[in-house]
Amino acid sequence: MQMQVLFPANKKGIADANKLMEEFSESGSLSASTRAKLMIIVDELISNSLKYGSIDKENQRLELNLSFENSTLFIDYADSGVEFNPFEMEAEGLELSAEERDIGGLGIHLVRKLTDTQSYTREHDRNKISLRLKVE
């Protein structure tokens, strides 16, 4: 089972992508827990593109590829924002309270915790993130 979607970096495009993810999850009989993880992961990836990627939101197309086979969920995401490997960042200040720590870094930390493997490449002026999640 697989799904590929290119969508504009705006509210309607993101809403349409979320609807397609729900349909993908239901058609693949993913558990509620796996569905929730998928939604959190993709929301964080999109959020980072929009907040930090310095992308042209009017013309930007985000790409999401999902596939599920052999009890593994494959999540591949790409944008054309500025070059940035989020997995080179270390989550700092996790021991601090929310009031004491600097803003940022928790989303990628969460993506790391929710997935089994993560990789980043820069190809053809696009940031490409590949994530794998073993599903029980």
N, C-alpha and C. Protein backbone atom coordinates (compact mmCIF):
# COMPACT_ATOMS: atom_id res chain seq x y z
N MET A 1 0.85 -1.16 0.00
CA MET A 1 0.00 0.00 0.00
C MET A 1 0.90 1.23 0.00
N GLN A 2 0.56 2.20 -0.86
CA GLN A 2 1.35 3.42 -0.89
C GLN A 2 0.52 4.61 -1.32
N MET A 3 1.05 5.81 -1.04
CA MET A 3 0.39 7.06 -1.37
C MET A 3 1.46 8.10 -1.64
N GLN A 4 1.26 8.89 -2.68
CA GLN A 4 2.14 10.02 -2.95
C GLN A 4 1.26 11.24 -3.16
N VAL A 5 1.64 12.36 -2.52
CA VAL A 5 0.87 13.58 -2.69
C VAL A 5 1.81 14.77 -2.74
N LEU A 6 1.58 15.63 -3.71
CA LEU A 6 2.22 16.93 -3.80
C LEU A 6 1.16 17.94 -3.43
N PHE A 7 1.48 18.86 -2.53
CA PHE A 7 0.45 19.79 -2.09
C PHE A 7 1.06 21.16 -1.83
N PRO A 8 0.26 22.21 -2.03
CA PRO A 8 0.76 23.55 -1.79
C PRO A 8 0.95 23.80 -0.30
N ALA A 9 1.90 24.67 0.02
CA ALA A 9 2.20 24.99 1.42
C ALA A 9 1.23 26.06 1.92
N ASN A 10 -0.05 25.70 1.93
CA ASN A 10 -1.07 26.61 2.48
C ASN A 10 -2.09 25.77 3.25
N LYS A 11 -3.02 26.44 3.91
CA LYS A 11 -3.96 25.73 4.79
C LYS A 11 -4.79 24.69 4.03
N LYS A 12 -5.27 25.04 2.86
CA LYS A 12 -6.08 24.08 2.10
C LYS A 12 -5.24 22.88 1.67
N GLY A 13 -4.05 23.13 1.19
CA GLY A 13 -3.17 22.03 0.77
C GLY A 13 -2.85 21.10 1.92
N ILE A 14 -2.57 21.67 3.08
CA ILE A 14 -2.26 20.86 4.26
C ILE A 14 -3.49 20.09 4.71
N ALA A 15 -4.66 20.72 4.68
CA ALA A 15 -5.90 20.03 5.05
C ALA A 15 -6.17 18.86 4.10
N ASP A 16 -5.95 19.08 2.80
CA ASP A 16 -6.14 18.01 1.83
C ASP A 16 -5.16 16.86 2.08
N ALA A 17 -3.90 17.20 2.39
CA ALA A 17 -2.90 16.16 2.69
C ALA A 17 -3.30 15.38 3.93
N ASN A 18 -3.80 16.06 4.94
CA ASN A 18 -4.24 15.38 6.16
C ASN A 18 -5.39 14.41 5.87
N LYS A 19 -6.31 14.82 5.02
CA LYS A 19 -7.43 13.94 4.65
C LYS A 19 -6.91 12.69 3.94
N LEU A 20 -5.97 12.87 3.02
CA LEU A 20 -5.40 11.73 2.31
C LEU A 20 -4.64 10.80 3.26
N MET A 21 -3.96 11.38 4.26
CA MET A 21 -3.27 10.54 5.25
C MET A 21 -4.27 9.70 6.04
N GLU A 22 -5.39 10.30 6.39
CA GLU A 22 -6.43 9.56 7.10
C GLU A 22 -6.93 8.40 6.25
N GLU A 23 -7.18 8.67 4.97
CA GLU A 23 -7.65 7.61 4.07
C GLU A 23 -6.60 6.51 3.93
N PHE A 24 -5.34 6.90 3.81
CA PHE A 24 -4.25 5.93 3.73
C PHE A 24 -4.22 5.06 4.99
N SER A 25 -4.34 5.70 6.15
CA SER A 25 -4.31 4.98 7.42
C SER A 25 -5.45 3.99 7.54
N GLU A 26 -6.62 4.41 7.13
CA GLU A 26 -7.79 3.54 7.22
C GLU A 26 -7.71 2.39 6.22
N SER A 27 -7.24 2.67 5.01
CA SER A 27 -7.17 1.61 4.01
C SER A 27 -6.12 0.57 4.35
N GLY A 28 -5.10 0.99 5.10
CA GLY A 28 -4.05 0.06 5.51
C GLY A 28 -4.30 -0.57 6.85
N SER A 29 -5.44 -0.26 7.44
CA SER A 29 -5.80 -0.79 8.75
C SER A 29 -4.73 -0.51 9.80
N LEU A 30 -4.18 0.71 9.75
CA LEU A 30 -3.21 1.09 10.77
C LEU A 30 -3.93 1.29 12.10
N SER A 31 -3.28 0.93 13.17
CA SER A 31 -3.88 1.10 14.49
C SER A 31 -4.04 2.58 14.82
N ALA A 32 -4.88 2.86 15.78
CA ALA A 32 -5.09 4.25 16.21
C ALA A 32 -3.78 4.86 16.70
N SER A 33 -2.97 4.08 17.37
CA SER A 33 -1.68 4.57 17.87
C SER A 33 -0.75 4.94 16.71
N THR A 34 -0.69 4.08 15.70
CA THR A 34 0.17 4.35 14.53
C THR A 34 -0.35 5.55 13.76
N ARG A 35 -1.67 5.66 13.62
CA ARG A 35 -2.27 6.82 12.95
C ARG A 35 -1.88 8.11 13.67
N ALA A 36 -1.98 8.09 14.99
CA ALA A 36 -1.64 9.29 15.77
C ALA A 36 -0.17 9.65 15.57
N LYS A 37 0.70 8.66 15.60
CA LYS A 37 2.13 8.92 15.38
C LYS A 37 2.36 9.53 14.00
N LEU A 38 1.73 8.95 12.99
CA LEU A 38 1.87 9.45 11.62
C LEU A 38 1.45 10.91 11.54
N MET A 39 0.31 11.24 12.10
CA MET A 39 -0.19 12.62 12.04
C MET A 39 0.76 13.58 12.77
N ILE A 40 1.26 13.18 13.92
CA ILE A 40 2.19 14.04 14.67
C ILE A 40 3.47 14.25 13.88
N ILE A 41 4.01 13.18 13.32
CA ILE A 41 5.27 13.26 12.57
C ILE A 41 5.12 14.18 11.36
N VAL A 42 4.09 13.96 10.56
CA VAL A 42 3.93 14.76 9.35
C VAL A 42 3.60 16.21 9.70
N ASP A 43 2.81 16.42 10.73
CA ASP A 43 2.51 17.78 11.18
C ASP A 43 3.80 18.52 11.56
N GLU A 44 4.69 17.84 12.23
CA GLU A 44 5.96 18.46 12.64
C GLU A 44 6.83 18.77 11.42
N LEU A 45 6.89 17.88 10.46
CA LEU A 45 7.68 18.12 9.25
C LEU A 45 7.15 19.34 8.49
N ILE A 46 5.83 19.39 8.31
CA ILE A 46 5.22 20.52 7.60
C ILE A 46 5.44 21.81 8.38
N SER A 47 5.23 21.75 9.68
CA SER A 47 5.41 22.92 10.53
C SER A 47 6.83 23.49 10.41
N ASN A 48 7.82 22.61 10.43
CA ASN A 48 9.21 23.06 10.29
C ASN A 48 9.45 23.70 8.93
N SER A 49 8.89 23.12 7.87
CA SER A 49 9.04 23.71 6.55
C SER A 49 8.48 25.12 6.51
N LEU A 50 7.31 25.29 7.08
CA LEU A 50 6.65 26.59 7.03
C LEU A 50 7.29 27.62 7.96
N LYS A 51 7.74 27.19 9.13
CA LYS A 51 8.30 28.12 10.10
C LYS A 51 9.75 28.48 9.84
N TYR A 52 10.54 27.51 9.43
CA TYR A 52 11.98 27.72 9.39
C TYR A 52 12.61 27.56 8.01
N GLY A 53 11.86 27.09 7.05
CA GLY A 53 12.45 26.77 5.76
C GLY A 53 12.65 27.93 4.81
N SER A 54 12.13 29.12 5.17
CA SER A 54 12.22 30.29 4.29
C SER A 54 11.76 29.95 2.88
N ILE A 55 10.67 29.21 2.81
CA ILE A 55 10.18 28.80 1.49
C ILE A 55 9.20 29.84 0.96
N ASP A 56 9.04 29.85 -0.34
CA ASP A 56 8.07 30.69 -1.02
C ASP A 56 6.71 30.02 -0.85
N LYS A 57 5.97 30.47 0.16
CA LYS A 57 4.71 29.80 0.49
C LYS A 57 3.66 29.92 -0.61
N GLU A 58 3.79 30.92 -1.48
CA GLU A 58 2.83 31.07 -2.56
C GLU A 58 3.00 30.00 -3.63
N ASN A 59 4.23 29.61 -3.90
CA ASN A 59 4.50 28.69 -5.00
C ASN A 59 5.08 27.35 -4.55
N GLN A 60 5.30 27.20 -3.27
CA GLN A 60 5.95 26.00 -2.73
C GLN A 60 5.03 24.79 -2.81
N ARG A 61 5.61 23.67 -3.22
CA ARG A 61 4.93 22.39 -3.20
C ARG A 61 5.69 21.48 -2.25
N LEU A 62 4.97 20.91 -1.33
CA LEU A 62 5.55 19.94 -0.41
C LEU A 62 5.22 18.56 -0.96
N GLU A 63 6.07 17.61 -0.67
CA GLU A 63 5.87 16.25 -1.18
C GLU A 63 5.87 15.27 -0.03
N LEU A 64 4.89 14.38 -0.02
CA LEU A 64 4.78 13.35 1.00
C LEU A 64 4.52 12.01 0.33
N ASN A 65 5.36 11.05 0.63
CA ASN A 65 5.19 9.68 0.13
C ASN A 65 5.07 8.76 1.34
N LEU A 66 4.02 7.99 1.36
CA LEU A 66 3.80 7.02 2.43
C LEU A 66 3.67 5.64 1.82
N SER A 67 4.26 4.67 2.47
CA SER A 67 4.04 3.29 2.07
C SER A 67 4.10 2.41 3.31
N PHE A 68 3.44 1.28 3.21
CA PHE A 68 3.36 0.36 4.33
C PHE A 68 3.55 -1.04 3.79
N GLU A 69 4.60 -1.70 4.25
CA GLU A 69 4.83 -3.08 3.86
C GLU A 69 5.69 -3.77 4.91
N ASN A 70 5.46 -5.05 5.05
CA ASN A 70 6.23 -5.87 6.01
C ASN A 70 6.30 -5.23 7.39
N SER A 71 5.16 -4.77 7.87
CA SER A 71 5.05 -4.16 9.21
C SER A 71 5.91 -2.92 9.40
N THR A 72 6.24 -2.24 8.31
CA THR A 72 7.01 -1.00 8.40
C THR A 72 6.30 0.10 7.65
N LEU A 73 6.17 1.26 8.31
CA LEU A 73 5.61 2.45 7.70
C LEU A 73 6.78 3.30 7.22
N PHE A 74 6.79 3.60 5.91
CA PHE A 74 7.84 4.41 5.29
C PHE A 74 7.26 5.81 5.06
N ILE A 75 7.94 6.81 5.59
CA ILE A 75 7.50 8.20 5.45
C ILE A 75 8.64 8.97 4.78
N ASP A 76 8.37 9.47 3.58
CA ASP A 76 9.36 10.26 2.84
C ASP A 76 8.75 11.62 2.57
N TYR A 77 9.49 12.65 2.91
CA TYR A 77 8.98 14.03 2.85
C TYR A 77 10.03 14.92 2.21
N ALA A 78 9.59 15.89 1.40
CA ALA A 78 10.55 16.79 0.75
C ALA A 78 9.97 18.20 0.65
N ASP A 79 10.86 19.19 0.76
CA ASP A 79 10.51 20.58 0.50
C ASP A 79 11.71 21.25 -0.19
N SER A 80 11.50 22.45 -0.69
CA SER A 80 12.59 23.16 -1.36
C SER A 80 13.04 24.37 -0.55
N GLY A 81 12.92 24.26 0.76
CA GLY A 81 13.39 25.33 1.64
C GLY A 81 14.91 25.37 1.68
N VAL A 82 15.42 26.26 2.51
CA VAL A 82 16.87 26.36 2.65
C VAL A 82 17.42 25.04 3.16
N GLU A 83 18.65 24.74 2.79
CA GLU A 83 19.27 23.49 3.19
C GLU A 83 19.37 23.41 4.71
N PHE A 84 18.84 22.32 5.25
CA PHE A 84 18.86 22.14 6.70
C PHE A 84 18.63 20.68 7.04
N ASN A 85 19.59 20.09 7.75
CA ASN A 85 19.45 18.72 8.23
C ASN A 85 19.01 18.78 9.69
N PRO A 86 17.74 18.52 9.97
CA PRO A 86 17.25 18.63 11.34
C PRO A 86 17.85 17.58 12.28
N PHE A 87 18.38 16.50 11.72
CA PHE A 87 18.89 15.43 12.57
C PHE A 87 20.31 15.68 13.05
N GLU A 88 20.91 16.77 12.59
CA GLU A 88 22.21 17.18 13.12
C GLU A 88 22.06 17.96 14.41
N MET A 89 20.85 18.44 14.68
CA MET A 89 20.58 19.20 15.91
C MET A 89 20.41 18.25 17.08
N GLU A 90 20.99 18.62 18.18
CA GLU A 90 20.77 17.88 19.42
C GLU A 90 19.69 18.59 20.23
N ALA A 91 18.79 17.84 20.79
CA ALA A 91 17.78 18.43 21.66
C ALA A 91 18.46 18.84 22.96
N GLU A 92 18.40 20.11 23.25
CA GLU A 92 19.06 20.62 24.45
C GLU A 92 18.02 21.09 25.46
N GLY A 93 18.37 20.99 26.70
CA GLY A 93 17.53 21.51 27.76
C GLY A 93 16.31 20.68 28.06
N LEU A 94 16.32 19.40 27.68
CA LEU A 94 15.14 18.57 27.93
C LEU A 94 14.85 18.40 29.42
N GLU A 95 15.88 18.55 30.23
CA GLU A 95 15.69 18.40 31.67
C GLU A 95 15.09 19.65 32.30
N LEU A 96 15.05 20.76 31.54
CA LEU A 96 14.52 22.02 32.06
C LEU A 96 13.00 22.07 31.92
N SER A 97 12.38 22.93 32.71
CA SER A 97 10.94 23.12 32.59
C SER A 97 10.67 23.92 31.31
N ALA A 98 9.43 23.93 30.87
CA ALA A 98 9.05 24.63 29.65
C ALA A 98 9.39 26.12 29.75
N GLU A 99 9.26 26.69 30.93
CA GLU A 99 9.55 28.11 31.12
C GLU A 99 11.04 28.41 31.03
N GLU A 100 11.87 27.43 31.38
CA GLU A 100 13.32 27.65 31.43
C GLU A 100 14.04 27.37 30.12
N ARG A 101 13.48 26.54 29.27
CA ARG A 101 14.21 26.13 28.07
C ARG A 101 13.93 27.07 26.91
N ASP A 102 14.88 27.09 25.97
CA ASP A 102 14.72 27.88 24.75
C ASP A 102 13.66 27.24 23.86
N ILE A 103 13.04 28.06 23.03
CA ILE A 103 12.03 27.58 22.10
C ILE A 103 12.73 26.84 20.97
N GLY A 104 12.11 25.75 20.52
CA GLY A 104 12.61 25.02 19.36
C GLY A 104 13.30 23.72 19.73
N GLY A 105 13.34 22.82 18.77
CA GLY A 105 14.06 21.56 18.93
C GLY A 105 13.24 20.41 19.45
N LEU A 106 12.12 20.68 20.10
CA LEU A 106 11.32 19.59 20.66
C LEU A 106 10.61 18.77 19.58
N GLY A 107 10.20 19.42 18.51
CA GLY A 107 9.49 18.70 17.45
C GLY A 107 10.35 17.64 16.80
N ILE A 108 11.57 17.99 16.47
CA ILE A 108 12.47 17.01 15.85
C ILE A 108 12.83 15.92 16.86
N HIS A 109 12.98 16.31 18.12
CA HIS A 109 13.22 15.31 19.17
C HIS A 109 12.05 14.31 19.21
N LEU A 110 10.84 14.82 19.10
CA LEU A 110 9.66 13.97 19.10
C LEU A 110 9.65 13.05 17.87
N VAL A 111 9.99 13.58 16.70
CA VAL A 111 10.06 12.76 15.49
C VAL A 111 11.07 11.63 15.67
N ARG A 112 12.21 11.95 16.26
CA ARG A 112 13.22 10.90 16.52
C ARG A 112 12.66 9.82 17.43
N LYS A 113 11.96 10.23 18.47
CA LYS A 113 11.43 9.27 19.44
C LYS A 113 10.31 8.41 18.86
N LEU A 114 9.55 8.96 17.91
CA LEU A 114 8.42 8.23 17.33
C LEU A 114 8.81 7.31 16.18
N THR A 115 10.01 7.47 15.63
CA THR A 115 10.44 6.67 14.49
C THR A 115 11.64 5.81 14.85
N ASP A 116 11.85 4.78 14.06
CA ASP A 116 12.97 3.86 14.31
C ASP A 116 14.24 4.29 13.59
N THR A 117 14.10 4.84 12.38
CA THR A 117 15.26 5.35 11.65
C THR A 117 14.91 6.67 10.99
N GLN A 118 15.92 7.52 10.84
CA GLN A 118 15.76 8.82 10.22
C GLN A 118 16.96 9.09 9.33
N SER A 119 16.72 9.69 8.17
CA SER A 119 17.84 10.11 7.33
C SER A 119 17.47 11.39 6.60
N TYR A 120 18.50 12.12 6.21
CA TYR A 120 18.34 13.39 5.50
C TYR A 120 19.30 13.42 4.33
N THR A 121 18.81 13.91 3.19
CA THR A 121 19.68 14.20 2.05
C THR A 121 19.22 15.51 1.43
N ARG A 122 20.14 16.12 0.70
CA ARG A 122 19.83 17.32 -0.08
C ARG A 122 20.06 16.96 -1.54
N GLU A 123 18.98 16.95 -2.32
CA GLU A 123 19.07 16.57 -3.73
C GLU A 123 18.25 17.54 -4.57
N HIS A 124 18.85 18.04 -5.63
CA HIS A 124 18.16 18.91 -6.58
C HIS A 124 17.49 20.08 -5.86
N ASP A 125 18.22 20.71 -4.93
CA ASP A 125 17.73 21.86 -4.17
C ASP A 125 16.50 21.54 -3.32
N ARG A 126 16.40 20.29 -2.90
CA ARG A 126 15.29 19.88 -2.04
C ARG A 126 15.82 19.16 -0.81
N ASN A 127 15.21 19.46 0.32
CA ASN A 127 15.48 18.72 1.56
C ASN A 127 14.63 17.47 1.51
N LYS A 128 15.26 16.32 1.70
CA LYS A 128 14.54 15.05 1.69
C LYS A 128 14.76 14.33 3.01
N ILE A 129 13.66 14.01 3.65
CA ILE A 129 13.70 13.32 4.93
C ILE A 129 13.01 11.96 4.76
N SER A 130 13.70 10.93 5.19
CA SER A 130 13.15 9.57 5.14
C SER A 130 13.09 9.02 6.55
N LEU A 131 11.92 8.54 6.91
CA LEU A 131 11.68 8.01 8.25
C LEU A 131 11.09 6.61 8.12
N ARG A 132 11.41 5.76 9.09
CA ARG A 132 10.85 4.41 9.13
C ARG A 132 10.30 4.15 10.53
N LEU A 133 9.14 3.52 10.53
CA LEU A 133 8.47 3.23 11.79
C LEU A 133 7.98 1.79 11.74
N LYS A 134 8.52 0.95 12.62
CA LYS A 134 8.05 -0.44 12.73
C LYS A 134 6.69 -0.43 13.40
N VAL A 135 5.77 -1.17 12.82
CA VAL A 135 4.40 -1.21 13.32
C VAL A 135 4.11 -2.61 13.81
N GLU A 136 3.53 -2.72 14.97
CA GLU A 136 3.22 -4.03 15.55
C GLU A 136 1.82 -4.47 15.21
